[in-house]
Amino acid sequence: MIDEKAQELGRLIGQATEYQALRRAEQALRDDPEAQKRLETISRLTREFDALVAQGQTPAEADAQQYETTMHEFELSPAGQSYLVARANVDKLMNRVNQAIGEGMERGAVSGIITL
């Protein structure tokens, strides 16, 4: 029963305008070579920074500046802006969904009636 309800909830989320906008924004990113280049640079630098921090080292100033510049360029690009807005909207939707699930769980935990 729970699995069926979860599947139904997933289907409804997949049909939500917020999620559909995210899918379109993700496709626009895939279709934008400049956005792809920026994302690859951001991803590479993030991995390098993580490895350095794990070793107790600090990233080079030039690398940190390159990361900041690339991130800023991504955020200002049309594809980047569309993606970030769509991602934020889906995050808000999921927060509302999780809050509603939590409220339902609380009500279910104190209810003496079991429904299936």
N, C-alpha and C. Protein backbone atom coordinates (compact mmCIF):
# COMPACT_ATOMS: atom_id res chain seq x y z
N MET A 1 0.82 -1.20 0.00
CA MET A 1 0.00 0.00 0.00
C MET A 1 0.86 1.27 0.00
N ILE A 2 1.87 1.28 0.86
CA ILE A 2 2.75 2.46 0.92
C ILE A 2 3.51 2.61 -0.38
N ASP A 3 4.00 1.49 -0.92
CA ASP A 3 4.74 1.56 -2.18
C ASP A 3 3.87 2.11 -3.30
N GLU A 4 2.62 1.71 -3.32
CA GLU A 4 1.70 2.20 -4.35
C GLU A 4 1.48 3.70 -4.21
N LYS A 5 1.30 4.16 -2.98
CA LYS A 5 1.10 5.59 -2.73
C LYS A 5 2.36 6.37 -3.11
N ALA A 6 3.52 5.81 -2.81
CA ALA A 6 4.78 6.46 -3.16
C ALA A 6 4.93 6.57 -4.67
N GLN A 7 4.56 5.51 -5.40
CA GLN A 7 4.61 5.54 -6.85
C GLN A 7 3.68 6.62 -7.40
N GLU A 8 2.49 6.70 -6.84
CA GLU A 8 1.52 7.72 -7.27
C GLU A 8 2.05 9.12 -6.99
N LEU A 9 2.63 9.32 -5.81
CA LEU A 9 3.22 10.62 -5.47
C LEU A 9 4.34 10.96 -6.45
N GLY A 10 5.19 10.00 -6.75
CA GLY A 10 6.27 10.21 -7.71
C GLY A 10 5.74 10.59 -9.08
N ARG A 11 4.68 9.92 -9.51
CA ARG A 11 4.07 10.24 -10.80
C ARG A 11 3.55 11.68 -10.81
N LEU A 12 2.89 12.07 -9.73
CA LEU A 12 2.36 13.43 -9.65
C LEU A 12 3.47 14.47 -9.62
N ILE A 13 4.54 14.19 -8.90
CA ILE A 13 5.67 15.11 -8.87
C ILE A 13 6.28 15.22 -10.28
N GLY A 14 6.40 14.09 -10.96
CA GLY A 14 6.94 14.10 -12.32
C GLY A 14 6.10 14.92 -13.28
N GLN A 15 4.82 15.06 -13.01
CA GLN A 15 3.93 15.84 -13.86
C GLN A 15 3.82 17.30 -13.43
N ALA A 16 4.40 17.63 -12.28
CA ALA A 16 4.32 19.00 -11.76
C ALA A 16 5.04 19.96 -12.70
N THR A 17 4.50 21.16 -12.81
CA THR A 17 5.12 22.17 -13.69
C THR A 17 6.55 22.47 -13.25
N GLU A 18 6.82 22.45 -11.95
CA GLU A 18 8.17 22.73 -11.45
C GLU A 18 9.16 21.68 -11.96
N TYR A 19 8.75 20.42 -11.91
CA TYR A 19 9.63 19.34 -12.34
C TYR A 19 9.82 19.37 -13.86
N GLN A 20 8.76 19.63 -14.57
CA GLN A 20 8.85 19.71 -16.03
C GLN A 20 9.78 20.86 -16.45
N ALA A 21 9.71 21.98 -15.74
CA ALA A 21 10.60 23.11 -16.03
C ALA A 21 12.06 22.72 -15.77
N LEU A 22 12.30 21.95 -14.72
CA LEU A 22 13.66 21.49 -14.43
C LEU A 22 14.17 20.60 -15.55
N ARG A 23 13.34 19.70 -16.02
CA ARG A 23 13.76 18.81 -17.12
C ARG A 23 14.13 19.61 -18.37
N ARG A 24 13.33 20.64 -18.66
CA ARG A 24 13.64 21.49 -19.82
C ARG A 24 14.95 22.26 -19.60
N ALA A 25 15.15 22.75 -18.40
CA ALA A 25 16.38 23.49 -18.10
C ALA A 25 17.60 22.58 -18.17
N GLU A 26 17.46 21.33 -17.72
CA GLU A 26 18.56 20.37 -17.82
C GLU A 26 18.89 20.09 -19.28
N GLN A 27 17.88 19.96 -20.11
CA GLN A 27 18.11 19.73 -21.54
C GLN A 27 18.81 20.94 -22.17
N ALA A 28 18.39 22.13 -21.78
CA ALA A 28 19.02 23.34 -22.31
C ALA A 28 20.50 23.38 -21.92
N LEU A 29 20.83 22.94 -20.71
CA LEU A 29 22.23 22.87 -20.30
C LEU A 29 23.01 21.88 -21.17
N ARG A 30 22.40 20.73 -21.42
CA ARG A 30 23.07 19.71 -22.25
C ARG A 30 23.29 20.22 -23.68
N ASP A 31 22.40 21.09 -24.14
CA ASP A 31 22.48 21.59 -25.51
C ASP A 31 23.38 22.83 -25.64
N ASP A 32 23.89 23.35 -24.52
CA ASP A 32 24.70 24.57 -24.52
C ASP A 32 26.17 24.21 -24.27
N PRO A 33 27.02 24.27 -25.32
CA PRO A 33 28.42 23.89 -25.16
C PRO A 33 29.17 24.73 -24.13
N GLU A 34 28.87 26.01 -24.07
CA GLU A 34 29.54 26.88 -23.08
C GLU A 34 29.15 26.49 -21.65
N ALA A 35 27.88 26.20 -21.45
CA ALA A 35 27.43 25.77 -20.13
C ALA A 35 28.10 24.46 -19.75
N GLN A 36 28.20 23.54 -20.71
CA GLN A 36 28.85 22.26 -20.44
C GLN A 36 30.31 22.46 -20.06
N LYS A 37 30.99 23.34 -20.77
CA LYS A 37 32.40 23.63 -20.47
C LYS A 37 32.53 24.19 -19.05
N ARG A 38 31.67 25.12 -18.70
CA ARG A 38 31.72 25.71 -17.35
C ARG A 38 31.43 24.65 -16.28
N LEU A 39 30.42 23.82 -16.52
CA LEU A 39 30.09 22.78 -15.55
C LEU A 39 31.23 21.78 -15.37
N GLU A 40 31.90 21.43 -16.46
CA GLU A 40 33.04 20.53 -16.37
C GLU A 40 34.17 21.14 -15.56
N THR A 41 34.42 22.43 -15.77
CA THR A 41 35.46 23.14 -15.00
C THR A 41 35.09 23.18 -13.53
N ILE A 42 33.85 23.52 -13.23
CA ILE A 42 33.38 23.58 -11.84
C ILE A 42 33.51 22.21 -11.18
N SER A 43 33.10 21.17 -11.89
CA SER A 43 33.17 19.82 -11.35
C SER A 43 34.62 19.39 -11.11
N ARG A 44 35.50 19.66 -12.06
CA ARG A 44 36.91 19.29 -11.92
C ARG A 44 37.54 20.01 -10.74
N LEU A 45 37.30 21.31 -10.64
CA LEU A 45 37.88 22.08 -9.54
C LEU A 45 37.32 21.63 -8.20
N THR A 46 36.04 21.31 -8.15
CA THR A 46 35.43 20.83 -6.90
C THR A 46 36.10 19.53 -6.45
N ARG A 47 36.32 18.60 -7.38
CA ARG A 47 37.01 17.35 -7.04
C ARG A 47 38.42 17.61 -6.53
N GLU A 48 39.12 18.52 -7.22
CA GLU A 48 40.49 18.85 -6.81
C GLU A 48 40.49 19.49 -5.42
N PHE A 49 39.56 20.40 -5.17
CA PHE A 49 39.48 21.06 -3.85
C PHE A 49 39.17 20.05 -2.76
N ASP A 50 38.25 19.14 -3.04
CA ASP A 50 37.91 18.12 -2.05
C ASP A 50 39.12 17.26 -1.70
N ALA A 51 39.89 16.89 -2.71
CA ALA A 51 41.08 16.07 -2.47
C ALA A 51 42.11 16.85 -1.65
N LEU A 52 42.30 18.12 -1.98
CA LEU A 52 43.25 18.93 -1.23
C LEU A 52 42.83 19.09 0.23
N VAL A 53 41.57 19.39 0.44
CA VAL A 53 41.06 19.57 1.80
C VAL A 53 41.19 18.27 2.60
N ALA A 54 40.93 17.14 1.95
CA ALA A 54 41.07 15.85 2.62
C ALA A 54 42.51 15.61 3.06
N GLN A 55 43.46 16.20 2.35
CA GLN A 55 44.88 16.07 2.70
C GLN A 55 45.35 17.18 3.63
N GLY A 56 44.42 18.05 4.02
CA GLY A 56 44.76 19.15 4.92
C GLY A 56 45.42 20.32 4.22
N GLN A 57 45.26 20.40 2.91
CA GLN A 57 45.86 21.48 2.14
C GLN A 57 44.81 22.48 1.69
N THR A 58 45.28 23.63 1.26
CA THR A 58 44.40 24.69 0.79
C THR A 58 44.57 24.83 -0.72
N PRO A 59 43.47 25.00 -1.45
CA PRO A 59 43.58 25.19 -2.91
C PRO A 59 44.39 26.45 -3.23
N ALA A 60 45.04 26.42 -4.37
CA ALA A 60 45.79 27.59 -4.84
C ALA A 60 44.84 28.75 -5.10
N GLU A 61 45.32 29.95 -4.86
CA GLU A 61 44.50 31.15 -5.06
C GLU A 61 44.01 31.25 -6.51
N ALA A 62 44.87 30.91 -7.45
CA ALA A 62 44.48 30.98 -8.87
C ALA A 62 43.34 30.00 -9.17
N ASP A 63 43.40 28.81 -8.59
CA ASP A 63 42.33 27.83 -8.80
C ASP A 63 41.03 28.30 -8.14
N ALA A 64 41.15 28.87 -6.96
CA ALA A 64 39.95 29.38 -6.27
C ALA A 64 39.33 30.51 -7.09
N GLN A 65 40.16 31.37 -7.65
CA GLN A 65 39.66 32.47 -8.47
C GLN A 65 39.00 31.94 -9.75
N GLN A 66 39.61 30.93 -10.36
CA GLN A 66 39.03 30.33 -11.56
C GLN A 66 37.66 29.73 -11.24
N TYR A 67 37.55 29.07 -10.09
CA TYR A 67 36.27 28.49 -9.67
C TYR A 67 35.23 29.59 -9.53
N GLU A 68 35.58 30.65 -8.80
CA GLU A 68 34.63 31.75 -8.57
C GLU A 68 34.20 32.40 -9.88
N THR A 69 35.14 32.63 -10.76
CA THR A 69 34.83 33.26 -12.04
C THR A 69 33.93 32.37 -12.88
N THR A 70 34.27 31.09 -12.95
CA THR A 70 33.48 30.15 -13.75
C THR A 70 32.07 30.01 -13.19
N MET A 71 31.97 29.92 -11.87
CA MET A 71 30.65 29.81 -11.24
C MET A 71 29.83 31.06 -11.52
N HIS A 72 30.45 32.21 -11.42
CA HIS A 72 29.75 33.47 -11.68
C HIS A 72 29.26 33.53 -13.13
N GLU A 73 30.12 33.13 -14.07
CA GLU A 73 29.73 33.10 -15.48
C GLU A 73 28.56 32.15 -15.71
N PHE A 74 28.62 30.99 -15.04
CA PHE A 74 27.52 30.03 -15.17
C PHE A 74 26.22 30.61 -14.64
N GLU A 75 26.29 31.22 -13.47
CA GLU A 75 25.09 31.79 -12.85
C GLU A 75 24.47 32.91 -13.68
N LEU A 76 25.31 33.62 -14.44
CA LEU A 76 24.80 34.74 -15.25
C LEU A 76 24.35 34.31 -16.64
N SER A 77 24.73 33.12 -17.06
CA SER A 77 24.33 32.66 -18.39
C SER A 77 22.84 32.34 -18.42
N PRO A 78 22.19 32.51 -19.56
CA PRO A 78 20.75 32.19 -19.64
C PRO A 78 20.45 30.75 -19.24
N ALA A 79 21.24 29.80 -19.74
CA ALA A 79 20.99 28.39 -19.40
C ALA A 79 21.22 28.14 -17.91
N GLY A 80 22.26 28.77 -17.37
CA GLY A 80 22.56 28.61 -15.94
C GLY A 80 21.47 29.20 -15.07
N GLN A 81 21.02 30.38 -15.42
CA GLN A 81 19.96 31.03 -14.65
C GLN A 81 18.68 30.20 -14.68
N SER A 82 18.32 29.72 -15.86
CA SER A 82 17.10 28.91 -15.98
C SER A 82 17.21 27.65 -15.13
N TYR A 83 18.38 27.02 -15.18
CA TYR A 83 18.57 25.80 -14.39
C TYR A 83 18.48 26.10 -12.90
N LEU A 84 19.17 27.13 -12.44
CA LEU A 84 19.20 27.44 -11.01
C LEU A 84 17.81 27.80 -10.48
N VAL A 85 17.05 28.55 -11.25
CA VAL A 85 15.68 28.90 -10.84
C VAL A 85 14.81 27.64 -10.81
N ALA A 86 14.91 26.82 -11.85
CA ALA A 86 14.10 25.59 -11.90
C ALA A 86 14.48 24.65 -10.75
N ARG A 87 15.77 24.52 -10.47
CA ARG A 87 16.23 23.65 -9.37
C ARG A 87 15.69 24.16 -8.03
N ALA A 88 15.74 25.48 -7.82
CA ALA A 88 15.22 26.06 -6.58
C ALA A 88 13.72 25.81 -6.44
N ASN A 89 12.99 25.91 -7.55
CA ASN A 89 11.55 25.67 -7.49
C ASN A 89 11.22 24.21 -7.18
N VAL A 90 11.99 23.28 -7.73
CA VAL A 90 11.78 21.86 -7.41
C VAL A 90 12.15 21.60 -5.95
N ASP A 91 13.21 22.23 -5.48
CA ASP A 91 13.59 22.07 -4.07
C ASP A 91 12.47 22.56 -3.15
N LYS A 92 11.86 23.69 -3.50
CA LYS A 92 10.73 24.21 -2.71
C LYS A 92 9.56 23.23 -2.74
N LEU A 93 9.27 22.70 -3.92
CA LEU A 93 8.18 21.72 -4.05
C LEU A 93 8.46 20.52 -3.16
N MET A 94 9.68 19.99 -3.23
CA MET A 94 10.02 18.81 -2.44
C MET A 94 10.00 19.09 -0.94
N ASN A 95 10.37 20.30 -0.55
CA ASN A 95 10.27 20.66 0.86
C ASN A 95 8.81 20.65 1.33
N ARG A 96 7.91 21.18 0.48
CA ARG A 96 6.49 21.15 0.82
C ARG A 96 5.98 19.72 0.90
N VAL A 97 6.39 18.88 -0.04
CA VAL A 97 5.98 17.47 -0.05
C VAL A 97 6.49 16.78 1.22
N ASN A 98 7.75 16.98 1.54
CA ASN A 98 8.31 16.35 2.74
C ASN A 98 7.64 16.83 4.02
N GLN A 99 7.31 18.11 4.05
CA GLN A 99 6.60 18.65 5.22
C GLN A 99 5.21 18.00 5.33
N ALA A 100 4.51 17.87 4.21
CA ALA A 100 3.18 17.25 4.23
C ALA A 100 3.28 15.78 4.64
N ILE A 101 4.30 15.08 4.16
CA ILE A 101 4.49 13.68 4.57
C ILE A 101 4.75 13.60 6.07
N GLY A 102 5.62 14.48 6.56
CA GLY A 102 5.91 14.49 8.00
C GLY A 102 4.67 14.76 8.84
N GLU A 103 3.84 15.70 8.39
CA GLU A 103 2.60 16.00 9.11
C GLU A 103 1.67 14.79 9.08
N GLY A 104 1.59 14.13 7.94
CA GLY A 104 0.76 12.93 7.83
C GLY A 104 1.27 11.82 8.74
N MET A 105 2.57 11.68 8.83
CA MET A 105 3.15 10.66 9.71
C MET A 105 2.83 10.95 11.17
N GLU A 106 2.91 12.22 11.54
CA GLU A 106 2.58 12.59 12.93
C GLU A 106 1.12 12.29 13.24
N ARG A 107 0.24 12.64 12.32
CA ARG A 107 -1.19 12.34 12.52
C ARG A 107 -1.43 10.84 12.57
N GLY A 108 -0.75 10.09 11.71
CA GLY A 108 -0.90 8.65 11.69
C GLY A 108 -0.38 7.98 12.96
N ALA A 109 0.67 8.56 13.54
CA ALA A 109 1.28 7.98 14.74
C ALA A 109 0.36 8.11 15.96
N VAL A 110 -0.48 9.12 15.99
CA VAL A 110 -1.35 9.31 17.14
C VAL A 110 -2.77 8.80 16.90
N SER A 111 -3.06 8.42 15.68
CA SER A 111 -4.39 7.92 15.35
C SER A 111 -4.54 6.48 15.80
N GLY A 112 -5.66 6.16 16.39
CA GLY A 112 -5.94 4.79 16.80
C GLY A 112 -6.53 3.94 15.70
N ILE A 113 -6.86 4.58 14.59
CA ILE A 113 -7.51 3.87 13.49
C ILE A 113 -6.44 3.53 12.44
N ILE A 114 -6.39 2.28 12.06
CA ILE A 114 -5.45 1.84 11.02
C ILE A 114 -6.23 1.73 9.72
N THR A 115 -5.74 2.48 8.69
CA THR A 115 -6.41 2.43 7.39
C THR A 115 -5.45 1.88 6.36
N LEU A 116 -5.95 1.00 5.54
CA LEU A 116 -5.16 0.45 4.44
C LEU A 116 -5.88 0.54 3.15
